[in-house]
């Protein structure tokens, strides 16, 4: 029989709201869970979306969450070898009178996909497709992907978007009552370990120890800094 719980080609869009809810016959609203599909790499997402495109569910609203490194189209930020996240935030905050015109065109992407859906021409897409569309419409692909998550039935993302609580919070991901699929889940242990790990070089440790020496010698919160200096010394 036809689908009644998702908005694939066999279902109907009429009952779908902005928060993935549909009305029951008695007037109550039932929440339709999203599918969060986590993979180890972005390359694997490309493979999965390519396979999705070949199925009857190709027209299901979807999105792909990824970093600015993969989706930023701002000519200055995207070509930078430094921290693109910080540069993006500075533009959004309007520092030095600058702003990002691509961010203000985010709605163009969601409107484009809504038009495709209305004409029954919507198909599964990949990050490269979204970036190409963003350049064509002069709209930020990074924030467009996040906006598309509101109406998406399937959300593709790397493991850490689901495992790391800080990323979940920043991306406004709520997994309660949702469906979570982890591809190649035997890699989860390493991914979880990476989420709570941090790498430092010996030179960084020595520089930190020198600064802590200065703090302790000048009696600046001596008790706190002495403990941190001891950690640096033990590691070096």
Protein backbone atom coordinates (compact mmCIF):
# COMPACT_ATOMS: atom_id res chain seq x y z
CA UNK A 1 0.00 0.00 0.00
CA UNK A 2 1.01 3.67 -0.26
CA UNK A 3 3.21 5.25 2.36
CA UNK A 4 1.35 7.22 5.02
CA UNK A 5 4.17 8.10 7.37
CA UNK A 6 6.74 9.67 5.05
CA UNK A 7 6.63 12.02 2.09
CA UNK A 8 8.07 9.72 -0.58
CA UNK A 9 6.66 9.57 -4.11
CA UNK A 10 3.86 7.27 -2.96
CA UNK A 11 2.77 9.56 -0.12
CA UNK A 12 1.17 12.99 0.05
CA UNK A 13 2.71 16.32 1.11
CA UNK A 14 -0.55 17.91 2.17
CA UNK A 15 -0.49 16.78 5.79
CA UNK A 16 3.16 17.59 6.42
CA UNK A 17 3.98 20.57 8.61
CA UNK A 18 7.22 22.42 9.29
CA UNK A 19 8.01 20.26 12.31
CA UNK A 20 7.37 16.82 10.78
CA UNK A 21 3.88 16.46 12.24
CA UNK A 22 0.63 15.25 10.73
CA UNK A 23 -2.95 15.50 11.90
CA UNK A 24 -4.89 12.47 12.97
CA UNK A 25 -8.57 12.17 12.09
CA UNK A 26 -9.55 13.21 15.63
CA UNK A 27 -7.55 16.41 15.37
CA UNK A 28 -4.56 15.34 17.48
CA UNK A 29 -1.07 15.79 16.06
CA UNK A 30 1.35 12.90 15.81
CA UNK A 31 5.12 13.46 15.57
CA UNK A 32 6.78 11.70 12.67
CA UNK A 33 10.33 10.69 13.58
CA UNK A 34 13.25 11.70 11.42
CA UNK A 35 15.91 9.21 10.37
CA UNK A 36 19.41 10.30 11.39
CA UNK A 37 21.90 8.32 9.32
CA UNK A 38 25.44 8.55 10.71
CA UNK A 39 28.54 7.54 8.76
CA UNK A 40 32.27 7.60 9.39
CA UNK A 41 33.26 9.86 6.47
CA UNK A 42 31.67 12.33 4.06
CA UNK A 43 32.70 10.04 1.19
CA UNK A 44 30.41 7.35 2.58
CA UNK A 45 27.54 9.84 2.64
CA UNK A 46 28.12 10.40 -1.08
CA UNK A 47 27.85 6.67 -1.70
CA UNK A 48 24.65 6.34 0.33
CA UNK A 49 22.89 9.30 -1.29
CA UNK A 50 23.86 7.91 -4.70
CA UNK A 51 22.16 4.64 -3.80
CA UNK A 52 19.16 6.48 -2.33
CA UNK A 53 18.72 8.26 -5.65
CA UNK A 54 18.20 4.87 -7.33
CA UNK A 55 15.32 3.87 -5.03
CA UNK A 56 11.64 4.77 -4.85
CA UNK A 57 12.49 7.02 -1.89
CA UNK A 58 14.63 9.43 -3.90
CA UNK A 59 12.00 12.16 -3.52
CA UNK A 60 11.98 12.02 0.30
CA UNK A 61 13.06 15.40 1.78
CA UNK A 62 16.61 15.08 3.09
CA UNK A 63 19.63 17.05 4.14
CA UNK A 64 23.33 16.51 4.79
CA UNK A 65 25.03 18.13 7.78
CA UNK A 66 28.69 18.90 7.31
CA UNK A 67 31.34 21.44 8.29
CA UNK A 68 32.09 24.77 6.69
CA UNK A 69 35.21 23.15 5.22
CA UNK A 70 32.92 21.21 2.88
CA UNK A 71 30.12 23.72 2.28
CA UNK A 72 31.35 27.33 2.64
CA UNK A 73 31.18 29.23 -0.68
CA UNK A 74 32.35 32.64 0.53
CA UNK A 75 35.41 33.37 -1.69
CA UNK A 76 37.56 34.70 1.17
CA UNK A 77 36.55 32.29 3.93
CA UNK A 78 36.56 29.15 1.75
CA UNK A 79 40.04 29.91 0.40
CA UNK A 80 41.49 30.52 3.87
CA UNK A 81 43.83 27.99 5.43
CA UNK A 82 43.12 29.27 8.96
CA UNK A 83 40.01 28.73 11.09
CA UNK A 84 37.04 29.14 8.74
CA UNK A 85 34.57 28.84 11.60
CA UNK A 86 35.94 31.94 13.32
CA UNK A 87 36.03 33.92 10.07
CA UNK A 88 32.42 32.96 9.35
CA UNK A 89 31.27 33.98 12.84
CA UNK A 90 33.05 37.34 12.51
CA UNK A 91 31.22 38.02 9.24
CA UNK A 92 27.86 37.07 10.76
CA UNK A 93 28.53 39.35 13.75
CA UNK A 94 29.28 42.20 11.35
CA UNK A 95 32.72 42.98 12.72
CA UNK A 96 34.59 45.78 10.92
CA UNK A 97 31.40 46.54 9.00
CA UNK A 98 31.63 43.34 6.96
CA UNK A 99 28.89 40.78 6.44
CA UNK A 100 28.20 37.63 4.41
CA UNK A 101 25.77 38.22 1.55
CA UNK A 102 25.55 34.44 0.99
CA UNK A 103 24.10 33.94 4.47
CA UNK A 104 21.24 36.31 3.69
CA UNK A 105 20.31 34.18 0.66
CA UNK A 106 19.87 30.91 2.57
CA UNK A 107 16.10 30.87 1.98
CA UNK A 108 16.69 30.60 -1.78
CA UNK A 109 17.92 27.01 -1.41
CA UNK A 110 14.93 25.82 0.63
CA UNK A 111 12.58 27.58 -1.81
CA UNK A 112 14.34 25.83 -4.70
CA UNK A 113 13.86 22.40 -3.12
CA UNK A 114 10.24 23.21 -2.22
CA UNK A 115 9.62 24.10 -5.89
CA UNK A 116 11.23 20.84 -6.99
CA UNK A 117 9.02 18.90 -4.59
CA UNK A 118 5.88 20.65 -5.84
CA UNK A 119 6.73 19.70 -9.42
CA UNK A 120 7.64 16.11 -8.42
CA UNK A 121 11.20 16.60 -9.66
CA UNK A 122 12.89 16.44 -6.24
CA UNK A 123 15.72 13.88 -6.06
CA UNK A 124 18.31 12.86 -3.50
CA UNK A 125 21.41 15.06 -3.65
CA UNK A 126 24.99 15.14 -2.40
CA UNK A 127 27.12 17.84 -0.74
CA UNK A 128 28.67 18.77 -4.10
CA UNK A 129 25.19 19.27 -5.54
CA UNK A 130 24.24 21.56 -2.66
CA UNK A 131 27.45 23.59 -2.98
CA UNK A 132 26.90 23.97 -6.75
CA UNK A 133 23.33 25.11 -6.13
CA UNK A 134 24.52 27.52 -3.45
CA UNK A 135 27.01 29.10 -5.85
CA UNK A 136 24.33 29.35 -8.53
CA UNK A 137 21.81 30.99 -6.18
CA UNK A 138 24.48 32.91 -4.21
CA UNK A 139 23.23 31.26 -1.02
CA UNK A 140 25.16 29.72 1.88
CA UNK A 141 25.15 25.94 1.54
CA UNK A 142 26.24 25.41 5.16
CA UNK A 143 23.27 27.17 6.75
CA UNK A 144 20.92 26.00 3.99
CA UNK A 145 21.62 22.37 4.95
CA UNK A 146 20.75 23.19 8.56
CA UNK A 147 17.54 24.93 7.53
CA UNK A 148 16.52 21.96 5.37
CA UNK A 149 16.77 19.75 8.48
CA UNK A 150 13.45 21.17 9.74
CA UNK A 151 11.40 19.46 7.01
CA UNK A 152 13.79 16.59 6.25
CA UNK A 153 12.71 12.98 6.76
CA UNK A 154 16.31 11.76 6.46
CA UNK A 155 19.35 13.58 7.88
CA UNK A 156 22.79 12.33 6.84
CA UNK A 157 25.82 13.32 8.92
CA UNK A 158 29.17 12.06 10.26
CA UNK A 159 29.22 10.11 13.54
CA UNK A 160 30.40 13.03 15.66
CA UNK A 161 27.28 15.07 14.87
CA UNK A 162 25.31 12.43 16.77
CA UNK A 163 27.86 11.45 19.43
CA UNK A 164 29.36 14.78 20.50
CA UNK A 165 26.94 16.66 22.81
CA UNK A 166 28.48 20.05 21.97
CA UNK A 167 27.99 19.52 18.23
CA UNK A 168 24.44 18.25 18.80
CA UNK A 169 23.65 21.39 20.76
CA UNK A 170 25.21 23.78 18.24
CA UNK A 171 23.44 22.05 15.33
CA UNK A 172 20.16 21.90 17.30
CA UNK A 173 19.91 18.12 16.92
CA UNK A 174 17.42 16.43 19.25
CA UNK A 175 17.53 12.64 18.97
CA UNK A 176 14.70 11.93 21.40
CA UNK A 177 12.00 9.91 19.65
CA UNK A 178 13.98 9.81 16.39
CA UNK A 179 15.40 6.88 14.40
CA UNK A 180 19.20 6.63 14.47
CA UNK A 181 21.11 4.45 12.00
CA UNK A 182 24.88 4.06 12.37
CA UNK A 183 26.66 2.75 9.30
CA UNK A 184 29.65 0.51 10.08
CA UNK A 185 28.99 0.91 13.81
CA UNK A 186 32.18 -0.95 14.76
CA UNK A 187 33.94 2.40 14.20
CA UNK A 188 31.88 4.12 16.89
CA UNK A 189 34.39 3.38 19.67
CA UNK A 190 37.21 5.23 17.90
CA UNK A 191 34.89 8.11 16.99
CA UNK A 192 33.69 8.47 20.59
CA UNK A 193 37.30 8.42 21.82
CA UNK A 194 38.24 11.17 19.36
CA UNK A 195 35.30 13.32 20.54
CA UNK A 196 36.74 13.49 24.08
CA UNK A 197 40.41 13.63 23.10
CA UNK A 198 42.73 16.52 22.32
CA UNK A 199 46.22 16.57 20.83
CA UNK A 200 49.00 18.96 21.86
CA UNK A 201 52.62 19.21 20.80
CA UNK A 202 55.59 19.26 23.13
CA UNK A 203 56.36 22.85 22.14
CA UNK A 204 52.83 23.86 23.13
CA UNK A 205 53.27 22.20 26.51
CA UNK A 206 56.58 23.99 27.08
CA UNK A 207 55.03 27.34 26.11
CA UNK A 208 52.13 26.72 28.50
CA UNK A 209 54.56 25.81 31.28
CA UNK A 210 56.48 29.06 30.76
CA UNK A 211 53.28 31.11 30.99
CA UNK A 212 52.22 29.21 34.11
CA UNK A 213 55.68 29.84 35.62
CA UNK A 214 55.08 33.56 35.11
CA UNK A 215 51.66 33.32 36.78
CA UNK A 216 52.99 31.42 39.80
CA UNK A 217 56.07 33.63 40.23
CA UNK A 218 53.89 36.76 40.14
CA UNK A 219 51.41 35.31 42.63
CA UNK A 220 48.51 35.35 40.18
CA UNK A 221 46.01 32.72 41.38
CA UNK A 222 49.09 30.82 42.49
CA UNK A 223 47.25 27.78 43.86
CA UNK A 224 45.34 27.12 40.61
CA UNK A 225 48.24 27.78 38.27
CA UNK A 226 50.73 25.73 40.30
CA UNK A 227 48.54 22.64 39.84
CA UNK A 228 48.32 23.22 36.09
CA UNK A 229 52.07 23.78 35.90
CA UNK A 230 52.61 20.44 37.62
CA UNK A 231 50.51 18.73 34.96
CA UNK A 232 52.53 20.35 32.17
CA UNK A 233 55.79 19.37 33.85
CA UNK A 234 54.69 15.74 34.27
CA UNK A 235 53.63 15.51 30.62
CA UNK A 236 56.86 17.04 29.26
